[in-house]
PDB file of N, CA and C in Angstrom:
ATOM      1  N   MET A   1     -22.842 -64.492  82.069  1.00  0.00           N
ATOM      2  CA  MET A   1     -23.956 -64.090  81.127  1.00  0.00           C
ATOM      3  C   MET A   1     -23.502 -64.331  79.566  1.00  0.00           C
ATOM      4  N   LYS A   2     -22.375 -64.035  78.906  1.00  0.00           N
ATOM      5  CA  LYS A   2     -22.530 -63.933  78.020  1.00  0.00           C
ATOM      6  C   LYS A   2     -22.479 -65.146  77.022  1.00  0.00           C
ATOM      7  N   PHE A   3     -22.518 -66.236  77.981  1.00  0.00           N
ATOM      8  CA  PHE A   3     -22.925 -68.043  77.377  1.00  0.00           C
ATOM      9  C   PHE A   3     -24.261 -68.058  77.495  1.00  0.00           C
ATOM     10  N   ILE A   4     -25.190 -67.329  77.691  1.00  0.00           N
ATOM     11  CA  ILE A   4     -26.824 -67.409  77.888  1.00  0.00           C
ATOM     12  C   ILE A   4     -27.296 -67.341  76.343  1.00  0.00           C
ATOM     13  N   LEU A   5     -27.124 -66.402  75.555  1.00  0.00           N
ATOM     14  CA  LEU A   5     -27.381 -66.214  74.141  1.00  0.00           C
ATOM     15  C   LEU A   5     -27.336 -67.591  73.604  1.00  0.00           C
ATOM     16  N   PRO A   6     -25.822 -67.594  73.132  1.00  0.00           N
ATOM     17  CA  PRO A   6     -25.269 -69.031  72.654  1.00  0.00           C
ATOM     18  C   PRO A   6     -26.642 -69.997  72.658  1.00  0.00           C
ATOM     19  N   ALA A   7     -26.407 -70.289  74.424  1.00  0.00           N
ATOM     20  CA  ALA A   7     -27.065 -71.588  74.738  1.00  0.00           C
ATOM     21  C   ALA A   7     -28.301 -71.757  74.452  1.00  0.00           C
ATOM     22  N   LEU A   8     -28.607 -70.355  74.120  1.00  0.00           N
ATOM     23  CA  LEU A   8     -30.456 -70.540  74.254  1.00  0.00           C
ATOM     24  C   LEU A   8     -30.735 -70.826  72.843  1.00  0.00           C
ATOM     25  N   VAL A   9     -29.476 -69.857  71.970  1.00  0.00           N
ATOM     26  CA  VAL A   9     -29.766 -70.786  70.120  1.00  0.00           C
ATOM     27  C   VAL A   9     -29.323 -71.838  69.908  1.00  0.00           C
ATOM     28  N   ILE A  10     -28.676 -72.894  70.604  1.00  0.00           N
ATOM     29  CA  ILE A  10     -28.559 -74.082  70.311  1.00  0.00           C
ATOM     30  C   ILE A  10     -29.310 -74.790  70.941  1.00  0.00           C
ATOM     31  N   PHE A  11     -30.104 -74.229  72.270  1.00  0.00           N
ATOM     32  CA  PHE A  11     -31.486 -75.039  72.481  1.00  0.00           C
ATOM     33  C   PHE A  11     -32.579 -75.068  71.675  1.00  0.00           C
ATOM     34  N   SER A  12     -32.677 -73.513  71.294  1.00  0.00           N
ATOM     35  CA  SER A  12     -33.994 -73.567  69.824  1.00  0.00           C
ATOM     36  C   SER A  12     -33.663 -74.152  69.042  1.00  0.00           C
ATOM     37  N   PHE A  13     -32.385 -74.291  68.148  1.00  0.00           N
ATOM     38  CA  PHE A  13     -32.516 -75.109  67.273  1.00  0.00           C
ATOM     39  C   PHE A  13     -32.464 -76.854  67.688  1.00  0.00           C
ATOM     40  N   GLY A  14     -32.272 -76.978  68.733  1.00  0.00           N
ATOM     41  CA  GLY A  14     -32.678 -78.460  68.883  1.00  0.00           C
ATOM     42  C   GLY A  14     -33.631 -78.818  69.327  1.00  0.00           C
ATOM     43  N   ALA A  15     -34.496 -77.750  69.715  1.00  0.00           N
ATOM     44  CA  ALA A  15     -35.542 -77.953  70.233  1.00  0.00           C
ATOM     45  C   ALA A  15     -36.805 -78.010  68.573  1.00  0.00           C
ATOM     46  N   SER A  16     -36.149 -77.371  67.756  1.00  0.00           N
ATOM     47  CA  SER A  16     -36.792 -76.984  66.721  1.00  0.00           C
ATOM     48  C   SER A  16     -36.523 -78.426  65.752  1.00  0.00           C
ATOM     49  N   ALA A  17     -35.197 -79.138  65.873  1.00  0.00           N
ATOM     50  CA  ALA A  17     -35.113 -80.133  65.078  1.00  0.00           C
ATOM     51  C   ALA A  17     -35.795 -81.234  65.926  1.00  0.00           C
ATOM     52  N   ALA A  18     -36.045 -81.030  67.026  1.00  0.00           N
ATOM     53  CA  ALA A  18     -36.522 -82.546  67.485  1.00  0.00           C
ATOM     54  C   ALA A  18     -38.370 -82.811  67.040  1.00  0.00           C
ATOM     55  N   ALA A  19     -38.732 -81.197  66.733  1.00  0.00           N
ATOM     56  CA  ALA A  19     -40.006 -81.047  66.169  1.00  0.00           C
ATOM     57  C   ALA A  19     -40.303 -81.734  65.166  1.00  0.00           C
ATOM     58  N   ALA A  20     -39.110 -80.896  64.330  1.00  0.00           N
ATOM     59  CA  ALA A  20     -39.128 -81.633  62.813  1.00  0.00           C
ATOM     60  C   ALA A  20     -39.080 -83.214  63.051  1.00  0.00           C
ATOM     61  N   GLN A  21     -37.924 -83.867  63.405  1.00  0.00           N
ATOM     62  CA  GLN A  21     -38.118 -85.145  63.371  1.00  0.00           C
ATOM     63  C   GLN A  21     -39.599 -85.757  63.922  1.00  0.00           C
ATOM     64  N   SER A  22     -40.145 -85.238  65.164  1.00  0.00           N
ATOM     65  CA  SER A  22     -41.345 -86.344  65.675  1.00  0.00           C
ATOM     66  C   SER A  22     -42.466 -85.904  64.520  1.00  0.00           C
ATOM     67  N   MET A  23     -42.505 -84.608  63.627  1.00  0.00           N
ATOM     68  CA  MET A  23     -43.403 -84.385  62.553  1.00  0.00           C
ATOM     69  C   MET A  23     -43.125 -85.930  61.198  1.00  0.00           C
ATOM     70  N   GLU A  24     -42.104 -85.482  61.180  1.00  0.00           N
ATOM     71  CA  GLU A  24     -41.490 -86.482  60.222  1.00  0.00           C
ATOM     72  C   GLU A  24     -42.059 -88.108  60.759  1.00  0.00           C
ATOM     73  N   ARG A  25     -42.247 -88.981  61.538  1.00  0.00           N
ATOM     74  CA  ARG A  25     -42.318 -89.787  62.360  1.00  0.00           C
ATOM     75  C   ARG A  25     -43.551 -90.209  62.281  1.00  0.00           C
ATOM     76  N   ASN A  26     -44.130 -88.995  62.745  1.00  0.00           N
ATOM     77  CA  ASN A  26     -45.854 -89.305  62.689  1.00  0.00           C
ATOM     78  C   ASN A  26     -46.416 -89.362  61.576  1.00  0.00           C
ATOM     79  N   MET A  27     -45.858 -88.370  60.522  1.00  0.00           N
ATOM     80  CA  MET A  27     -46.101 -88.846  58.825  1.00  0.00           C
ATOM     81  C   MET A  27     -45.870 -89.985  58.756  1.00  0.00           C
ATOM     82  N   LEU A  28     -44.782 -90.751  58.372  1.00  0.00           N
ATOM     83  CA  LEU A  28     -44.376 -91.960  58.563  1.00  0.00           C
ATOM     84  C   LEU A  28     -45.358 -93.093  59.385  1.00  0.00           C
ATOM     85  N   GLU A  29     -45.762 -92.927  60.201  1.00  0.00           N
ATOM     86  CA  GLU A  29     -46.847 -93.833  61.294  1.00  0.00           C
ATOM     87  C   GLU A  29     -47.895 -93.568  60.758  1.00  0.00           C
ATOM     88  N   ARG A  30     -48.505 -93.017  60.180  1.00  0.00           N
ATOM     89  CA  ARG A  30     -49.882 -92.214  59.215  1.00  0.00           C
ATOM     90  C   ARG A  30     -49.770 -93.141  57.972  1.00  0.00           C
ATOM     91  N   ARG A  31     -48.731 -92.748  56.933  1.00  0.00           N
ATOM     92  CA  ARG A  31     -48.477 -93.663  56.458  1.00  0.00           C
ATOM     93  C   ARG A  31     -48.671 -94.947  56.621  1.00  0.00           C
ATOM     94  N   THR A  32     -47.397 -95.719  57.410  1.00  0.00           N
ATOM     95  CA  THR A  32     -47.874 -97.299  57.306  1.00  0.00           C
ATOM     96  C   THR A  32     -49.251 -97.720  57.569  1.00  0.00           C
ATOM     97  N   ALA A  33     -49.830 -96.772  58.889  1.00  0.00           N
ATOM     98  CA  ALA A  33     -51.275 -97.281  59.260  1.00  0.00           C
ATOM     99  C   ALA A  33     -52.312 -97.287  57.993  1.00  0.00           C
ATOM    100  N   ARG A  34     -52.271 -96.459  57.153  1.00  0.00           N
ATOM    101  CA  ARG A  34     -53.322 -96.207  56.008  1.00  0.00           C
ATOM    102  C   ARG A  34     -52.669 -97.509  54.663  1.00  0.00           C
ATOM    103  N   ALA A  35     -51.571 -97.699  54.865  1.00  0.00           N
ATOM    104  CA  ALA A  35     -50.886 -99.165  53.892  1.00  0.00           C
ATOM    105  C   ALA A  35     -51.614-100.342  54.186  1.00  0.00           C
ATOM    106  N   ILE A  36     -51.537-100.596  55.619  1.00  0.00           N
ATOM    107  CA  ILE A  36     -52.085-101.731  56.475  1.00  0.00           C
ATOM    108  C   ILE A  36     -53.419-101.936  56.425  1.00  0.00           C
ATOM    109  N   ARG A  37     -54.421-100.608  56.523  1.00  0.00           N
ATOM    110  CA  ARG A  37     -55.787-100.606  56.015  1.00  0.00           C
ATOM    111  C   ARG A  37     -55.819-101.332  54.680  1.00  0.00           C
ATOM    112  N   ASN A  38     -55.357-100.139  53.805  1.00  0.00           N
ATOM    113  CA  ASN A  38     -55.671-100.607  52.645  1.00  0.00           C
ATOM    114  C   ASN A  38     -55.704-101.829  51.783  1.00  0.00           C
ATOM    115  N   ALA A  39     -54.298-102.469  53.177  1.00  0.00           N
ATOM    116  CA  ALA A  39     -54.873-104.152  52.559  1.00  0.00           C
ATOM    117  C   ALA A  39     -55.469-104.844  53.198  1.00  0.00           C
ATOM    118  N   GLY A  40     -56.377-104.236  53.560  1.00  0.00           N
ATOM    119  CA  GLY A  40     -57.199-104.964  54.678  1.00  0.00           C
ATOM    120  C   GLY A  40     -57.863-105.507  55.892  1.00  0.00           C
ATOM    121  N   PHE A  41     -56.434-105.039  56.251  1.00  0.00           N
ATOM    122  CA  PHE A  41     -56.468-104.893  58.243  1.00  0.00           C
ATOM    123  C   PHE A  41     -56.971-103.664  58.718  1.00  0.00           C
ATOM    124  N   TRP A  42     -56.979-104.199  60.343  1.00  0.00           N
ATOM    125  CA  TRP A  42     -57.212-102.822  61.034  1.00  0.00           C
ATOM    126  C   TRP A  42     -56.039-102.496  61.801  1.00  0.00           C
ATOM    127  N   CYS A  43     -55.796-101.478  61.438  1.00  0.00           N
ATOM    128  CA  CYS A  43     -54.936-100.442  62.163  1.00  0.00           C
ATOM    129  C   CYS A  43     -55.072 -99.002  61.716  1.00  0.00           C
ATOM    130  N   ASP A  44     -55.300 -98.245  63.290  1.00  0.00           N
ATOM    131  CA  ASP A  44     -55.858 -96.868  63.288  1.00  0.00           C
ATOM    132  C   ASP A  44     -55.135 -95.982  63.810  1.00  0.00           C
ATOM    133  N   GLN A  45     -53.893 -97.052  64.745  1.00  0.00           N
ATOM    134  CA  GLN A  45     -52.850 -95.878  65.117  1.00  0.00           C
ATOM    135  C   GLN A  45     -51.619 -96.657  65.298  1.00  0.00           C
ATOM    136  N   VAL A  46     -50.321 -96.378  64.977  1.00  0.00           N
ATOM    137  CA  VAL A  46     -49.169 -97.386  64.911  1.00  0.00           C
ATOM    138  C   VAL A  46     -48.840 -96.857  66.355  1.00  0.00           C
ATOM    139  N   SER A  47     -48.335 -97.709  66.806  1.00  0.00           N
ATOM    140  CA  SER A  47     -47.612 -97.566  68.429  1.00  0.00           C
ATOM    141  C   SER A  47     -46.110 -98.113  68.476  1.00  0.00           C
ATOM    142  N   ASN A  48     -45.750 -98.742  67.715  1.00  0.00           N
ATOM    143  CA  ASN A  48     -44.524 -99.116  67.823  1.00  0.00           C
ATOM    144  C   ASN A  48     -44.457 -99.839  66.498  1.00  0.00           C
ATOM    145  N   ALA A  49     -42.844 -99.527  65.838  1.00  0.00           N
ATOM    146  CA  ALA A  49     -42.702-100.102  64.774  1.00  0.00           C
ATOM    147  C   ALA A  49     -40.739-100.439  65.056  1.00  0.00           C
ATOM    148  N   TYR A  50     -40.370-101.478  64.347  1.00  0.00           N
ATOM    149  CA  TYR A  50     -38.846-101.471  64.110  1.00  0.00           C
ATOM    150  C   TYR A  50     -38.852-102.742  63.700  1.00  0.00           C
ATOM    151  N   VAL A  51     -37.328-102.893  62.999  1.00  0.00           N
ATOM    152  CA  VAL A  51     -36.696-103.410  61.850  1.00  0.00           C
ATOM    153  C   VAL A  51     -36.460-104.957  62.615  1.00  0.00           C
ATOM    154  N   ASP A  52     -36.836-106.365  62.139  1.00  0.00           N
ATOM    155  CA  ASP A  52     -36.141-107.491  62.688  1.00  0.00           C
ATOM    156  C   ASP A  52     -34.806-107.825  62.551  1.00  0.00           C
ATOM    157  N   LYS A  53     -34.324-107.865  63.098  1.00  0.00           N
ATOM    158  CA  LYS A  53     -32.942-107.962  62.732  1.00  0.00           C
ATOM    159  C   LYS A  53     -32.578-108.996  62.424  1.00  0.00           C
ATOM    160  N   VAL A  54     -33.419-110.146  62.919  1.00  0.00           N
ATOM    161  CA  VAL A  54     -33.322-111.433  63.023  1.00  0.00           C
ATOM    162  C   VAL A  54     -33.366-112.042  61.495  1.00  0.00           C
ATOM    163  N   LEU A  55     -34.721-111.670  61.414  1.00  0.00           N
ATOM    164  CA  LEU A  55     -35.588-112.182  59.586  1.00  0.00           C
ATOM    165  C   LEU A  55     -34.835-111.461  58.752  1.00  0.00           C
ATOM    166  N   SER A  56     -34.425-110.183  58.860  1.00  0.00           N
ATOM    167  CA  SER A  56     -33.930-109.084  57.698  1.00  0.00           C
ATOM    168  C   SER A  56     -32.528-109.588  57.492  1.00  0.00           C
ATOM    169  N   SER A  57     -31.837-110.504  58.421  1.00  0.00           N
ATOM    170  CA  SER A  57     -30.570-110.885  58.246  1.00  0.00           C
ATOM    171  C   SER A  57     -30.225-111.980  56.888  1.00  0.00           C
ATOM    172  N   THR A  58     -32.074-112.708  56.709  1.00  0.00           N
ATOM    173  CA  THR A  58     -31.322-113.882  55.477  1.00  0.00           C
ATOM    174  C   THR A  58     -31.905-113.251  54.167  1.00  0.00           C
ATOM    175  N   GLY A  59     -32.769-111.742  54.339  1.00  0.00           N
ATOM    176  CA  GLY A  59     -33.303-111.749  52.825  1.00  0.00           C
ATOM    177  C   GLY A  59     -33.881-110.254  52.927  1.00  0.00           C
ATOM    178  N   PRO A  60     -34.738-110.041  52.729  1.00  0.00           N
ATOM    179  CA  PRO A  60     -35.274-108.439  52.573  1.00  0.00           C
ATOM    180  C   PRO A  60     -35.836-108.103  54.209  1.00  0.00           C
ATOM    181  N   THR A  61     -35.624-106.507  54.176  1.00  0.00           N
ATOM    182  CA  THR A  61     -35.820-105.954  55.596  1.00  0.00           C
ATOM    183  C   THR A  61     -37.622-106.339  55.905  1.00  0.00           C
ATOM    184  N   VAL A  62     -37.642-106.333  57.072  1.00  0.00           N
ATOM    185  CA  VAL A  62     -38.938-106.857  57.740  1.00  0.00           C
ATOM    186  C   VAL A  62     -38.772-106.441  58.768  1.00  0.00           C
ATOM    187  N   VAL A  63     -39.966-105.668  59.092  1.00  0.00           N
ATOM    188  CA  VAL A  63     -40.726-104.348  60.071  1.00  0.00           C
ATOM    189  C   VAL A  63     -41.732-105.066  61.046  1.00  0.00           C
ATOM    190  N   ARG A  64     -41.367-105.515  62.140  1.00  0.00           N
ATOM    191  CA  ARG A  64     -42.567-105.492  63.181  1.00  0.00           C
ATOM    192  C   ARG A  64     -43.290-104.241  63.155  1.00  0.00           C
ATOM    193  N   VAL A  65     -44.882-104.440  63.470  1.00  0.00           N
ATOM    194  CA  VAL A  65     -45.543-103.165  63.229  1.00  0.00           C
ATOM    195  C   VAL A  65     -46.656-103.458  64.167  1.00  0.00           C
ATOM    196  N   THR A  66     -46.968-102.392  65.433  1.00  0.00           N
ATOM    197  CA  THR A  66     -47.850-102.927  66.696  1.00  0.00           C
ATOM    198  C   THR A  66     -49.061-101.870  66.691  1.00  0.00           C
ATOM    199  N   CYS A  67     -50.155-102.140  66.290  1.00  0.00           N
ATOM    200  CA  CYS A  67     -50.923-100.562  66.109  1.00  0.00           C
ATOM    201  C   CYS A  67     -52.044-101.081  67.476  1.00  0.00           C
ATOM    202  N   ASP A  68     -52.117-100.110  68.336  1.00  0.00           N
ATOM    203  CA  ASP A  68     -52.533-100.301  69.499  1.00  0.00           C
ATOM    204  C   ASP A  68     -53.153 -98.586  69.393  1.00  0.00           C
ATOM    205  N   ASP A  69     -54.779 -99.134  69.887  1.00  0.00           N
ATOM    206  CA  ASP A  69     -55.480 -97.171  70.084  1.00  0.00           C
ATOM    207  C   ASP A  69     -56.056 -97.080  71.524  1.00  0.00           C
ATOM    208  N   LYS A  70     -55.624 -97.943  72.712  1.00  0.00           N
ATOM    209  CA  LYS A  70     -55.700 -98.676  73.959  1.00  0.00           C
ATOM    210  C   LYS A  70     -57.588 -99.217  73.924  1.00  0.00           C
ATOM    211  N   THR A  71     -58.080 -99.882  72.806  1.00  0.00           N
ATOM    212  CA  THR A  71     -59.258-100.537  72.724  1.00  0.00           C
ATOM    213  C   THR A  71     -59.152-101.873  72.035  1.00  0.00           C
ATOM    214  N   ARG A  72     -57.667-101.618  71.360  1.00  0.00           N
ATOM    215  CA  ARG A  72     -57.462-102.779  70.075  1.00  0.00           C
ATOM    216  C   ARG A  72     -56.515-102.676  70.052  1.00  0.00           C
ATOM    217  N   PHE A  73     -55.750-104.300  69.884  1.00  0.00           N
ATOM    218  CA  PHE A  73     -54.046-104.345  69.735  1.00  0.00           C
ATOM    219  C   PHE A  73     -54.001-105.142  68.752  1.00  0.00           C
ATOM    220  N   GLU A  74     -53.086-105.094  67.247  1.00  0.00           N
ATOM    221  CA  GLU A  74     -52.820-106.187  66.593  1.00  0.00           C
ATOM    222  C   GLU A  74     -51.681-105.667  66.105  1.00  0.00           C
ATOM    223  N   GLN A  75     -51.090-106.910  65.652  1.00  0.00           N
ATOM    224  CA  GLN A  75     -49.320-106.970  64.837  1.00  0.00           C
ATOM    225  C   GLN A  75     -49.388-107.074  63.739  1.00  0.00           C
ATOM    226  N   TYR A  76     -48.492-106.616  63.117  1.00  0.00           N
ATOM    227  CA  TYR A  76     -48.244-107.377  61.465  1.00  0.00           C
ATOM    228  C   TYR A  76     -46.982-107.411  61.560  1.00  0.00           C
ATOM    229  N   LYS A  77     -46.493-108.446  60.368  1.00  0.00           N
ATOM    230  CA  LYS A  77     -44.901-107.936  59.641  1.00  0.00           C
ATOM    231  C   LYS A  77     -44.973-107.805  58.184  1.00  0.00           C
ATOM    232  N   LEU A  78     -44.362-106.779  57.827  1.00  0.00           N
ATOM    233  CA  LEU A  78     -44.336-106.021  56.675  1.00  0.00           C
ATOM    234  C   LEU A  78     -43.017-106.054  55.996  1.00  0.00           C
ATOM    235  N   THR A  79     -42.978-106.987  55.018  1.00  0.00           N
ATOM    236  CA  THR A  79     -41.895-107.389  54.116  1.00  0.00           C
ATOM    237  C   THR A  79     -41.336-106.014  53.035  1.00  0.00           C
ATOM    238  N   MET A  80     -40.603-105.724  52.809  1.00  0.00           N
ATOM    239  CA  MET A  80     -39.892-104.690  52.206  1.00  0.00           C
ATOM    240  C   MET A  80     -39.041-104.694  51.264  1.00  0.00           C
ATOM    241  N   THR A  81     -39.109-103.863  50.242  1.00  0.00           N
ATOM    242  CA  THR A  81     -38.326-104.016  48.954  1.00  0.00           C
ATOM    243  C   THR A  81     -37.100-103.639  48.884  1.00  0.00           C
ATOM    244  N   LYS A  82     -36.728-103.535  48.384  1.00  0.00           N
ATOM    245  CA  LYS A  82     -35.212-102.518  48.054  1.00  0.00           C
ATOM    246  C   LYS A  82     -35.029-101.365  48.342  1.00  0.00           C
ATOM    247  N   ASP A  83     -36.630-100.654  47.799  1.00  0.00           N
ATOM    248  CA  ASP A  83     -36.774 -99.547  47.953  1.00  0.00           C
ATOM    249  C   ASP A  83     -37.373 -99.349  48.669  1.00  0.00           C
ATOM    250  N   ASN A  84     -37.427 -99.640  49.400  1.00  0.00           N
ATOM    251  CA  ASN A  84     -38.386 -99.235  50.946  1.00  0.00           C
ATOM    252  C   ASN A  84     -39.646 -99.090  50.807  1.00  0.00           C
ATOM    253  N   LYS A  85     -40.554-100.048  49.904  1.00  0.00           N
ATOM    254  CA  LYS A  85     -41.511-100.092  49.791  1.00  0.00           C
ATOM    255  C   LYS A  85     -41.979-101.582  50.059  1.00  0.00           C
ATOM    256  N   ILE A  86     -43.501-101.508  50.638  1.00  0.00           N
ATOM    257  CA  ILE A  86     -43.833-102.591  51.306  1.00  0.00           C
ATOM    258  C   ILE A  86     -44.477-103.720  50.071  1.00  0.00           C
ATOM    259  N   ALA A  87     -43.619-104.702  50.086  1.00  0.00           N
ATOM    260  CA  ALA A  87     -44.120-106.016  48.981  1.00  0.00           C
ATOM    261  C   ALA A  87     -45.029-106.721  49.761  1.00  0.00           C
ATOM    262  N   LYS A  88     -45.170-106.783  51.251  1.00  0.00           N
ATOM    263  CA  LYS A  88     -46.613-107.471  52.072  1.00  0.00           C
ATOM    264  C   LYS A  88     -46.547-107.404  53.777  1.00  0.00           C
ATOM    265  N   ILE A  89     -48.024-107.764  53.685  1.00  0.00           N
ATOM    266  CA  ILE A  89     -48.386-107.387  55.170  1.00  0.00           C
ATOM    267  C   ILE A  89     -48.892-108.996  55.533  1.00  0.00           C
ATOM    268  N   GLU A  90     -48.524-109.375  56.736  1.00  0.00           N
ATOM    269  CA  GLU A  90     -48.759-110.537  57.141  1.00  0.00           C
ATOM    270  C   GLU A  90     -49.262-110.258  58.738  1.00  0.00           C
ATOM    271  N   ILE A  91     -49.936-110.735  59.248  1.00  0.00           N
ATOM    272  CA  ILE A  91     -50.321-110.619  60.726  1.00  0.00           C
ATOM    273  C   ILE A  91     -49.462-111.632  61.050  1.00  0.00           C
ATOM    274  N   TRP A  92     -49.025-111.068  62.712  1.00  0.00           N
ATOM    275  CA  TRP A  92     -48.079-111.300  63.411  1.00  0.00           C
ATOM    276  C   TRP A  92     -48.360-112.329  64.222  1.00  0.00           C
ATOM    277  N   LYS A  93     -47.820-113.552  64.284  1.00  0.00           N
ATOM    278  CA  LYS A  93     -48.235-114.719  65.378  1.00  0.00           C
ATOM    279  C   LYS A  93     -47.317-114.827  66.398  1.00  0.00           C
TER     280      LYS A  93
END
């Protein structure tokens, strides 16, 4: 019995940290989708994004972004600057 309260406190902290991380991720995805739309491309919802380690190894960081709203699907290659701002957006072929 004496371990239930500490376990609940730890579980509660873990759940709130996960919720904060999820909220931060959603905000980042919305900002990325907005930047892609502002560049003249289609992106209603980011469904996947990851750093392309092969292309990033020889120069600036390259992020592969997939936009998918279950009716349309597009993929983009974002080239980042050293201060993590988007320098260039290209269609990923």
